Protein backbone atom coordinates (compact mmCIF):
# COMPACT_ATOMS: atom_id res chain seq x y z
CA MET A 1 27.80 109.80 286.73
CA ASP A 2 30.10 109.17 290.19
CA PRO A 3 30.33 112.28 292.48
CA SER A 4 33.61 111.02 293.48
CA HIS A 5 34.55 111.65 290.01
CA PHE A 6 32.96 115.26 290.03
CA PHE A 7 35.52 118.22 290.45
CA PHE A 8 33.10 121.02 290.27
CA ASN A 9 36.12 123.84 290.14
CA GLU A 10 37.80 122.35 287.30
CA ALA A 11 34.51 121.28 285.64
CA ILE A 12 33.78 125.23 285.48
CA SER A 13 37.51 126.08 284.30
CA THR A 14 36.70 123.23 281.84
CA GLY A 15 33.44 125.00 280.48
CA LEU A 16 34.87 128.58 280.72
CA MET A 17 37.99 127.19 278.76
CA ILE A 18 35.46 126.44 276.13
CA TYR A 19 33.31 129.20 275.59
CA GLU A 20 36.79 131.10 275.61
CA GLU A 21 38.38 129.32 272.55
CA TYR A 22 34.79 129.41 270.86
CA LEU A 23 35.14 133.40 271.31
CA TRP A 24 38.38 133.56 270.19
CA THR A 25 37.47 131.01 266.84
CA ARG A 26 34.64 132.28 265.93
CA GLY A 27 33.59 135.66 267.90
CA SER A 28 30.69 137.31 269.35
CA MET A 29 27.42 136.17 268.87
CA LYS A 30 23.78 137.67 268.99
CA GLY A 31 22.51 135.22 271.35
CA MET A 32 23.27 131.83 273.14
CA ILE A 33 21.11 129.35 274.54
CA TRP A 34 22.82 127.06 277.26
CA VAL A 35 21.97 123.47 277.85
CA ALA A 36 22.44 121.21 280.89
CA ASP A 37 21.64 117.84 281.10
CA ALA A 38 20.87 117.03 285.24
CA THR A 39 20.80 112.68 284.10
CA GLY A 40 22.33 111.59 287.06
CA ILE A 41 22.66 114.37 289.04
CA THR A 42 22.71 112.94 293.15
CA THR A 43 22.95 114.30 296.84
CA GLY A 44 26.30 113.07 296.19
CA HIS A 45 26.81 115.96 293.65
CA VAL A 46 25.49 118.68 295.93
CA GLY A 47 28.43 118.04 298.38
CA ARG A 48 31.16 118.74 295.91
CA ILE A 49 29.85 121.78 294.72
CA ASN A 50 32.37 124.85 295.98
CA LEU A 51 29.55 127.06 296.78
CA PRO A 52 32.03 130.33 297.12
CA SER A 53 33.19 129.34 293.56
CA LEU A 54 30.09 128.72 292.30
CA LYS A 55 28.60 132.58 293.65
CA LYS A 56 31.59 133.94 291.46
CA LEU A 57 30.83 132.17 288.81
CA ILE A 58 27.04 133.33 288.44
CA TYR A 59 28.73 136.66 289.23
CA TYR A 60 30.93 136.19 286.22
CA VAL A 61 28.30 135.02 283.72
CA GLN A 62 25.91 137.54 284.71
CA ASP A 63 28.08 140.64 284.94
CA ALA A 64 31.14 139.79 282.93
CA LEU A 65 31.36 137.03 280.20
CA PRO A 66 30.84 138.90 277.30
CA ILE A 67 27.40 136.80 275.54
CA ARG A 68 23.83 137.50 275.53
CA LEU A 69 22.15 134.65 277.09
CA LYS A 70 18.74 133.92 275.46
CA GLY A 71 17.68 131.21 277.95
CA ILE A 72 19.22 128.89 280.29
CA HIS A 73 17.60 125.31 280.26
CA ILE A 74 18.42 122.40 282.34
CA ILE A 75 16.91 118.97 280.97
CA ASN A 76 16.42 115.66 282.39
CA THR A 77 15.86 117.51 285.87
CA SER A 78 14.87 115.68 288.81
CA PRO A 79 14.44 117.30 292.76
CA ILE A 80 17.68 117.29 293.64
CA VAL A 81 18.14 119.96 290.73
CA GLU A 82 15.70 121.93 292.67
CA VAL A 83 17.75 121.74 295.57
CA ILE A 84 20.84 122.95 293.80
CA TYR A 85 18.92 125.69 292.26
CA ASN A 86 17.70 127.04 295.45
CA MET A 87 20.96 126.96 296.80
CA VAL A 88 22.13 129.59 294.06
CA LYS A 89 18.89 131.38 293.72
CA PRO A 90 19.85 134.16 295.56
CA PHE A 91 22.96 134.87 293.83
CA ILE A 92 20.98 135.18 290.56
CA SER A 93 19.78 138.13 289.47
CA ALA A 94 15.79 138.64 288.14
CA GLU A 95 17.00 138.65 284.82
CA PHE A 96 18.70 135.60 284.79
CA ILE A 97 15.92 133.53 286.34
CA ASN A 98 12.87 134.46 284.19
CA LEU A 99 15.62 133.33 281.74
CA THR A 100 15.92 129.70 283.41
CA HIS A 101 13.86 127.19 282.97
CA PHE A 102 13.53 123.35 284.01
CA HIS A 103 12.63 120.45 281.87
CA THR A 104 11.38 117.21 282.95
CA SER A 105 10.95 115.63 279.44
CA LEU A 106 12.20 116.70 275.62
CA GLN A 107 9.04 117.66 274.73
CA SER A 108 8.67 120.91 277.32
CA ALA A 109 12.44 122.08 275.76
CA SER A 110 11.22 121.63 272.26
CA GLU A 111 9.09 125.02 272.87
CA TYR A 112 12.42 126.61 273.62
CA PHE A 113 14.93 125.12 271.39
CA PRO A 114 15.47 122.50 268.20
CA ILE A 115 15.85 119.25 270.05
CA GLU A 116 17.55 117.84 267.17
CA LEU A 117 20.38 120.21 268.13
CA LEU A 118 21.13 117.84 271.17
CA PRO A 119 23.67 115.02 271.12
CA ASN A 120 21.77 111.51 269.74
CA GLU A 121 22.10 109.82 273.59
CA ARG A 122 20.03 112.66 274.66
CA GLY A 123 17.32 112.59 271.61
CA GLY A 124 19.01 114.58 269.39
CA LYS A 125 20.48 114.46 266.00
CA ALA A 126 23.75 116.26 266.34
CA GLY A 127 26.06 113.22 266.70
CA SER A 128 27.19 111.06 269.56
CA ILE A 129 28.44 112.54 272.84
CA GLN A 130 31.81 111.29 272.32
CA GLU A 131 31.88 113.19 268.80
CA PHE A 132 31.02 116.54 270.37
CA ILE A 133 34.00 115.36 273.59
CA ASP A 134 36.52 114.38 270.50
CA ALA A 135 36.08 118.19 268.96
CA ASN A 136 36.06 119.73 271.70
CA TYR A 137 39.31 117.95 273.01
CA LYS A 138 40.99 118.58 269.78
CA ARG A 139 40.01 122.28 269.73
CA MET A 140 41.13 122.95 273.43
CA GLU A 141 44.67 120.91 272.35
CA ASN A 142 44.87 123.66 269.34
CA CYS A 143 44.65 126.13 272.41
CA ARG A 144 47.42 124.28 274.72
CA LYS A 145 49.89 126.97 274.39
CA TRP A 146 47.73 129.79 274.97
CA PHE A 147 46.37 128.68 277.59
CA LEU A 148 49.00 127.47 279.71
CA GLU A 149 50.39 131.21 279.10
CA ASP A 150 47.26 132.64 280.46
CA GLU A 151 47.32 130.35 283.39
CA LYS A 152 50.83 131.21 284.10
CA ASN A 153 50.94 135.15 283.48
CA ASN A 154 46.99 136.58 283.58
CA ARG A 155 46.48 137.12 287.53
CA VAL A 156 43.82 138.89 288.80
CA ASN A 157 45.07 140.60 292.16
CA GLU A 158 41.36 140.26 294.25
CA SER A 159 42.49 142.14 297.47
């Protein structure tokens, strides 16, 4: 929760690696609902967001990532989340704006997805956050060699 421990580019890289591992091991899917928890987001986090990287991420998710998003849900929102959203809204397509929903309570989120799929600490029944972290870490370790090779050799010439 401490903004000094938040590194935006590393967080995005980790999230994309988790998704890539999912694609490799399970294949594509008919649709995905993305849920983010905004608990603890402060103005200190906003200052650590790299806007050019965020813009590239948005374009990548909208135009290149091989998924079909059915919804984007931000739970436990606060006014600072609206500030962040307004920073990125100019880069977001109308389709993605329509998929995006903000929830201050789990009751409003339950209209869109089953709350029991959330971690126990967030009102669900799917296991503890630490269990999710441990499982993701193990999967990433299993792909470590591939990720290192990919990082070393698969570069894009953006010129």
